[in-house]
Amino acid sequence: MMLDWLGEHEAARRVEAAVEKVLGEGRVRTYDLGGTATTRDMENAIVEKILEEG
Protein backbone atom coordinates (compact mmCIF):
# COMPACT_ATOMS: atom_id res chain seq x y z
CA MET A 1 0.00 0.00 0.00
CA MET A 2 1.25 3.48 -0.83
CA LEU A 3 0.85 4.57 2.80
CA ASP A 4 3.33 1.89 3.90
CA TRP A 5 5.80 3.01 1.25
CA LEU A 6 5.48 6.56 2.58
CA GLY A 7 6.22 5.33 6.09
CA GLU A 8 2.64 5.85 7.29
CA HIS A 9 2.32 2.34 8.67
CA GLU A 10 -0.38 3.09 11.24
CA ALA A 11 -2.56 4.84 8.66
CA ALA A 12 -2.10 1.91 6.28
CA ARG A 13 -3.11 -0.52 9.02
CA ARG A 14 -6.24 1.51 9.79
CA VAL A 15 -7.31 1.67 6.14
CA GLU A 16 -6.70 -2.04 5.61
CA ALA A 17 -8.64 -2.92 8.77
CA ALA A 18 -11.54 -0.71 7.70
CA VAL A 19 -11.65 -2.31 4.24
CA GLU A 20 -11.66 -5.78 5.79
CA LYS A 21 -14.50 -4.85 8.14
CA VAL A 22 -16.62 -3.25 5.42
CA LEU A 23 -16.17 -6.25 3.15
CA GLY A 24 -16.79 -8.64 6.03
CA GLU A 25 -20.11 -6.96 6.81
CA GLY A 26 -21.17 -7.55 3.20
CA ARG A 27 -23.39 -4.47 3.28
CA VAL A 28 -21.39 -2.47 0.71
CA ARG A 29 -19.82 -4.20 -2.26
CA THR A 30 -18.90 -2.84 -5.64
CA TYR A 31 -20.02 -4.53 -8.84
CA ASP A 32 -16.72 -6.40 -9.28
CA LEU A 33 -17.28 -7.98 -5.86
CA GLY A 34 -20.84 -9.03 -6.63
CA GLY A 35 -22.62 -5.96 -5.30
CA THR A 36 -24.24 -2.86 -6.64
CA ALA A 37 -22.41 -0.12 -4.72
CA THR A 38 -20.46 2.59 -6.49
CA THR A 39 -16.84 3.36 -5.78
CA ARG A 40 -18.04 6.43 -3.87
CA ASP A 41 -20.33 4.23 -1.74
CA MET A 42 -17.36 2.01 -0.89
CA GLU A 43 -15.22 5.05 -0.11
CA ASN A 44 -17.86 6.44 2.23
CA ALA A 45 -18.28 3.12 4.02
CA ILE A 46 -14.53 2.81 4.57
CA VAL A 47 -14.23 6.38 5.84
CA GLU A 48 -17.18 5.83 8.20
CA LYS A 49 -15.51 2.69 9.55
CA ILE A 50 -12.21 4.52 10.12
CA LEU A 51 -14.02 7.31 11.96
CA GLU A 52 -15.94 4.79 14.11
CA GLU A 53 -12.65 3.26 15.21
CA GLY A 54 -11.31 6.67 16.18
PDB file of N, CA and C in Angstrom:
ATOM      1  N   MET A   1       0.852  -1.167   0.000  1.00  0.00           N
ATOM      2  CA  MET A   1       0.000   0.000   0.000  1.00  0.00           C
ATOM      3  C   MET A   1       0.901   1.235   0.000  1.00  0.00           C
ATOM      4  N   MET A   2       0.461   2.243  -0.703  1.00  0.00           N
ATOM      5  CA  MET A   2       1.248   3.479  -0.826  1.00  0.00           C
ATOM      6  C   MET A   2       1.556   4.075   0.543  1.00  0.00           C
ATOM      7  N   LEU A   3       0.611   4.000   1.469  1.00  0.00           N
ATOM      8  CA  LEU A   3       0.855   4.568   2.796  1.00  0.00           C
ATOM      9  C   LEU A   3       2.040   3.897   3.484  1.00  0.00           C
ATOM     10  N   ASP A   4       2.174   2.587   3.333  1.00  0.00           N
ATOM     11  CA  ASP A   4       3.332   1.893   3.901  1.00  0.00           C
ATOM     12  C   ASP A   4       4.625   2.401   3.266  1.00  0.00           C
ATOM     13  N   TRP A   5       4.616   2.540   1.963  1.00  0.00           N
ATOM     14  CA  TRP A   5       5.801   3.012   1.253  1.00  0.00           C
ATOM     15  C   TRP A   5       6.205   4.399   1.733  1.00  0.00           C
ATOM     16  N   LEU A   6       5.211   5.212   2.078  1.00  0.00           N
ATOM     17  CA  LEU A   6       5.483   6.563   2.576  1.00  0.00           C
ATOM     18  C   LEU A   6       5.860   6.585   4.056  1.00  0.00           C
ATOM     19  N   GLY A   7       5.857   5.417   4.675  1.00  0.00           N
ATOM     20  CA  GLY A   7       6.217   5.334   6.087  1.00  0.00           C
ATOM     21  C   GLY A   7       5.042   5.553   7.030  1.00  0.00           C
ATOM     22  N   GLU A   8       3.856   5.636   6.483  1.00  0.00           N
ATOM     23  CA  GLU A   8       2.642   5.852   7.289  1.00  0.00           C
ATOM     24  C   GLU A   8       2.007   4.503   7.628  1.00  0.00           C
ATOM     25  N   HIS A   9       2.729   3.723   8.396  1.00  0.00           N
ATOM     26  CA  HIS A   9       2.320   2.342   8.674  1.00  0.00           C
ATOM     27  C   HIS A   9       1.026   2.249   9.472  1.00  0.00           C
ATOM     28  N   GLU A  10       0.845   3.115  10.434  1.00  0.00           N
ATOM     29  CA  GLU A  10      -0.382   3.087  11.243  1.00  0.00           C
ATOM     30  C   GLU A  10      -1.591   3.458  10.390  1.00  0.00           C
ATOM     31  N   ALA A  11      -1.459   4.456   9.550  1.00  0.00           N
ATOM     32  CA  ALA A  11      -2.561   4.842   8.662  1.00  0.00           C
ATOM     33  C   ALA A  11      -2.890   3.697   7.705  1.00  0.00           C
ATOM     34  N   ALA A  12      -1.881   3.048   7.179  1.00  0.00           N
ATOM     35  CA  ALA A  12      -2.099   1.911   6.282  1.00  0.00           C
ATOM     36  C   ALA A  12      -2.847   0.800   7.004  1.00  0.00           C
ATOM     37  N   ARG A  13      -2.455   0.526   8.238  1.00  0.00           N
ATOM     38  CA  ARG A  13      -3.113  -0.517   9.024  1.00  0.00           C
ATOM     39  C   ARG A  13      -4.582  -0.177   9.237  1.00  0.00           C
ATOM     40  N   ARG A  14      -4.864   1.091   9.542  1.00  0.00           N
ATOM     41  CA  ARG A  14      -6.243   1.512   9.792  1.00  0.00           C
ATOM     42  C   ARG A  14      -7.100   1.386   8.542  1.00  0.00           C
ATOM     43  N   VAL A  15      -6.557   1.778   7.393  1.00  0.00           N
ATOM     44  CA  VAL A  15      -7.309   1.670   6.142  1.00  0.00           C
ATOM     45  C   VAL A  15      -7.564   0.202   5.809  1.00  0.00           C
ATOM     46  N   GLU A  16      -6.545  -0.619   5.912  1.00  0.00           N
ATOM     47  CA  GLU A  16      -6.702  -2.043   5.608  1.00  0.00           C
ATOM     48  C   GLU A  16      -7.722  -2.692   6.533  1.00  0.00           C
ATOM     49  N   ALA A  17      -7.685  -2.363   7.812  1.00  0.00           N
ATOM     50  CA  ALA A  17      -8.636  -2.921   8.770  1.00  0.00           C
ATOM     51  C   ALA A  17     -10.057  -2.477   8.433  1.00  0.00           C
ATOM     52  N   ALA A  18     -10.214  -1.223   8.050  1.00  0.00           N
ATOM     53  CA  ALA A  18     -11.542  -0.711   7.697  1.00  0.00           C
ATOM     54  C   ALA A  18     -12.076  -1.410   6.453  1.00  0.00           C
ATOM     55  N   VAL A  19     -11.225  -1.611   5.462  1.00  0.00           N
ATOM     56  CA  VAL A  19     -11.649  -2.309   4.241  1.00  0.00           C
ATOM     57  C   VAL A  19     -12.095  -3.728   4.580  1.00  0.00           C
ATOM     58  N   GLU A  20     -11.313  -4.417   5.396  1.00  0.00           N
ATOM     59  CA  GLU A  20     -11.664  -5.782   5.787  1.00  0.00           C
ATOM     60  C   GLU A  20     -13.009  -5.820   6.511  1.00  0.00           C
ATOM     61  N   LYS A  21     -13.244  -4.874   7.403  1.00  0.00           N
ATOM     62  CA  LYS A  21     -14.504  -4.848   8.143  1.00  0.00           C
ATOM     63  C   LYS A  21     -15.685  -4.552   7.231  1.00  0.00           C
ATOM     64  N   VAL A  22     -15.530  -3.584   6.342  1.00  0.00           N
ATOM     65  CA  VAL A  22     -16.616  -3.250   5.419  1.00  0.00           C
ATOM     66  C   VAL A  22     -16.940  -4.452   4.539  1.00  0.00           C
ATOM     67  N   LEU A  23     -15.923  -5.089   3.993  1.00  0.00           N
ATOM     68  CA  LEU A  23     -16.166  -6.247   3.145  1.00  0.00           C
ATOM     69  C   LEU A  23     -16.753  -7.406   3.952  1.00  0.00           C
ATOM     70  N   GLY A  24     -16.281  -7.571   5.173  1.00  0.00           N
ATOM     71  CA  GLY A  24     -16.793  -8.639   6.034  1.00  0.00           C
ATOM     72  C   GLY A  24     -18.257  -8.466   6.375  1.00  0.00           C
ATOM     73  N   GLU A  25     -18.699  -7.223   6.514  1.00  0.00           N
ATOM     74  CA  GLU A  25     -20.110  -6.959   6.807  1.00  0.00           C
ATOM     75  C   GLU A  25     -20.984  -7.303   5.612  1.00  0.00           C
ATOM     76  N   GLY A  26     -20.430  -7.201   4.405  1.00  0.00           N
ATOM     77  CA  GLY A  26     -21.171  -7.546   3.199  1.00  0.00           C
ATOM     78  C   GLY A  26     -22.248  -6.556   2.806  1.00  0.00           C
ATOM     79  N   ARG A  27     -22.344  -5.461   3.521  1.00  0.00           N
ATOM     80  CA  ARG A  27     -23.394  -4.466   3.276  1.00  0.00           C
ATOM     81  C   ARG A  27     -23.079  -3.637   2.041  1.00  0.00           C
ATOM     82  N   VAL A  28     -21.813  -3.302   1.831  1.00  0.00           N
ATOM     83  CA  VAL A  28     -21.395  -2.466   0.714  1.00  0.00           C
ATOM     84  C   VAL A  28     -20.364  -3.239  -0.101  1.00  0.00           C
ATOM     85  N   ARG A  29     -20.732  -3.520  -1.340  1.00  0.00           N
ATOM     86  CA  ARG A  29     -19.818  -4.198  -2.258  1.00  0.00           C
ATOM     87  C   ARG A  29     -19.980  -3.597  -3.642  1.00  0.00           C
ATOM     88  N   THR A  30     -18.860  -3.368  -4.286  1.00  0.00           N
ATOM     89  CA  THR A  30     -18.902  -2.843  -5.644  1.00  0.00           C
ATOM     90  C   THR A  30     -19.265  -3.968  -6.619  1.00  0.00           C
ATOM     91  N   TYR A  31     -19.569  -3.577  -7.837  1.00  0.00           N
ATOM     92  CA  TYR A  31     -20.016  -4.535  -8.841  1.00  0.00           C
ATOM     93  C   TYR A  31     -19.028  -5.673  -9.040  1.00  0.00           C
ATOM     94  N   ASP A  32     -17.733  -5.366  -9.057  1.00  0.00           N
ATOM     95  CA  ASP A  32     -16.715  -6.395  -9.281  1.00  0.00           C
ATOM     96  C   ASP A  32     -16.653  -7.407  -8.142  1.00  0.00           C
ATOM     97  N   LEU A  33     -17.251  -7.058  -7.005  1.00  0.00           N
ATOM     98  CA  LEU A  33     -17.282  -7.976  -5.859  1.00  0.00           C
ATOM     99  C   LEU A  33     -18.677  -8.570  -5.660  1.00  0.00           C
ATOM    100  N   GLY A  34     -19.511  -8.431  -6.685  1.00  0.00           N
ATOM    101  CA  GLY A  34     -20.835  -9.034  -6.634  1.00  0.00           C
ATOM    102  C   GLY A  34     -21.915  -8.143  -6.054  1.00  0.00           C
ATOM    103  N   GLY A  35     -21.632  -6.876  -5.864  1.00  0.00           N
ATOM    104  CA  GLY A  35     -22.619  -5.958  -5.297  1.00  0.00           C
ATOM    105  C   GLY A  35     -23.087  -4.937  -6.305  1.00  0.00           C
ATOM    106  N   THR A  36     -23.720  -3.920  -5.779  1.00  0.00           N
ATOM    107  CA  THR A  36     -24.242  -2.860  -6.638  1.00  0.00           C
ATOM    108  C   THR A  36     -23.739  -1.480  -6.229  1.00  0.00           C
ATOM    109  N   ALA A  37     -22.892  -1.402  -5.229  1.00  0.00           N
ATOM    110  CA  ALA A  37     -22.406  -0.120  -4.722  1.00  0.00           C
ATOM    111  C   ALA A  37     -21.440   0.533  -5.716  1.00  0.00           C
ATOM    112  N   THR A  38     -21.426   1.845  -5.686  1.00  0.00           N
ATOM    113  CA  THR A  38     -20.458   2.593  -6.490  1.00  0.00           C
ATOM    114  C   THR A  38     -19.138   2.678  -5.728  1.00  0.00           C
ATOM    115  N   THR A  39     -18.131   3.144  -6.430  1.00  0.00           N
ATOM    116  CA  THR A  39     -16.841   3.364  -5.779  1.00  0.00           C
ATOM    117  C   THR A  39     -16.992   4.387  -4.659  1.00  0.00           C
ATOM    118  N   ARG A  40     -17.800   5.401  -4.894  1.00  0.00           N
ATOM    119  CA  ARG A  40     -18.044   6.429  -3.872  1.00  0.00           C
ATOM    120  C   ARG A  40     -18.723   5.813  -2.649  1.00  0.00           C
ATOM    121  N   ASP A  41     -19.681   4.906  -2.863  1.00  0.00           N
ATOM    122  CA  ASP A  41     -20.335   4.227  -1.745  1.00  0.00           C
ATOM    123  C   ASP A  41     -19.309   3.462  -0.910  1.00  0.00           C
ATOM    124  N   MET A  42     -18.399   2.773  -1.581  1.00  0.00           N
ATOM    125  CA  MET A  42     -17.363   2.010  -0.885  1.00  0.00           C
ATOM    126  C   MET A  42     -16.448   2.957  -0.119  1.00  0.00           C
ATOM    127  N   GLU A  43     -16.064   4.043  -0.773  1.00  0.00           N
ATOM    128  CA  GLU A  43     -15.224   5.046  -0.114  1.00  0.00           C
ATOM    129  C   GLU A  43     -15.884   5.551   1.161  1.00  0.00           C
ATOM    130  N   ASN A  44     -17.141   5.917   1.066  1.00  0.00           N
ATOM    131  CA  ASN A  44     -17.861   6.445   2.226  1.00  0.00           C
ATOM    132  C   ASN A  44     -17.949   5.417   3.348  1.00  0.00           C
ATOM    133  N   ALA A  45     -18.191   4.170   3.008  1.00  0.00           N
ATOM    134  CA  ALA A  45     -18.284   3.117   4.022  1.00  0.00           C
ATOM    135  C   ALA A  45     -16.944   2.924   4.733  1.00  0.00           C
ATOM    136  N   ILE A  46     -15.856   2.974   3.976  1.00  0.00           N
ATOM    137  CA  ILE A  46     -14.532   2.811   4.568  1.00  0.00           C
ATOM    138  C   ILE A  46     -14.197   3.990   5.479  1.00  0.00           C
ATOM    139  N   VAL A  47     -14.495   5.196   5.024  1.00  0.00           N
ATOM    140  CA  VAL A  47     -14.231   6.381   5.845  1.00  0.00           C
ATOM    141  C   VAL A  47     -15.060   6.328   7.136  1.00  0.00           C
ATOM    142  N   GLU A  48     -16.327   5.952   7.003  1.00  0.00           N
ATOM    143  CA  GLU A  48     -17.179   5.826   8.200  1.00  0.00           C
ATOM    144  C   GLU A  48     -16.574   4.842   9.192  1.00  0.00           C
ATOM    145  N   LYS A  49     -16.086   3.722   8.685  1.00  0.00           N
ATOM    146  CA  LYS A  49     -15.509   2.690   9.554  1.00  0.00           C
ATOM    147  C   LYS A  49     -14.252   3.218  10.247  1.00  0.00           C
ATOM    148  N   ILE A  50     -13.418   3.949   9.527  1.00  0.00           N
ATOM    149  CA  ILE A  50     -12.213   4.520  10.119  1.00  0.00           C
ATOM    150  C   ILE A  50     -12.602   5.499  11.232  1.00  0.00           C
ATOM    151  N   LEU A  51     -13.586   6.334  10.951  1.00  0.00           N
ATOM    152  CA  LEU A  51     -14.019   7.315  11.957  1.00  0.00           C
ATOM    153  C   LEU A  51     -14.641   6.650  13.188  1.00  0.00           C
ATOM    154  N   GLU A  52     -15.356   5.542  12.986  1.00  0.00           N
ATOM    155  CA  GLU A  52     -15.936   4.791  14.111  1.00  0.00           C
ATOM    156  C   GLU A  52     -14.845   4.289  15.036  1.00  0.00           C
ATOM    157  N   GLU A  53     -13.758   3.845  14.430  1.00  0.00           N
ATOM    158  CA  GLU A  53     -12.650   3.256  15.207  1.00  0.00           C
ATOM    159  C   GLU A  53     -11.845   4.324  15.949  1.00  0.00           C
ATOM    160  N   GLY A  54     -11.996   5.560  15.512  1.00  0.00           N
ATOM    161  CA  GLY A  54     -11.313   6.674  16.175  1.00  0.00           C
ATOM    162  C   GLY A  54      -9.908   6.713  15.868  1.00  0.00           C
TER     163      GLY A  54
END
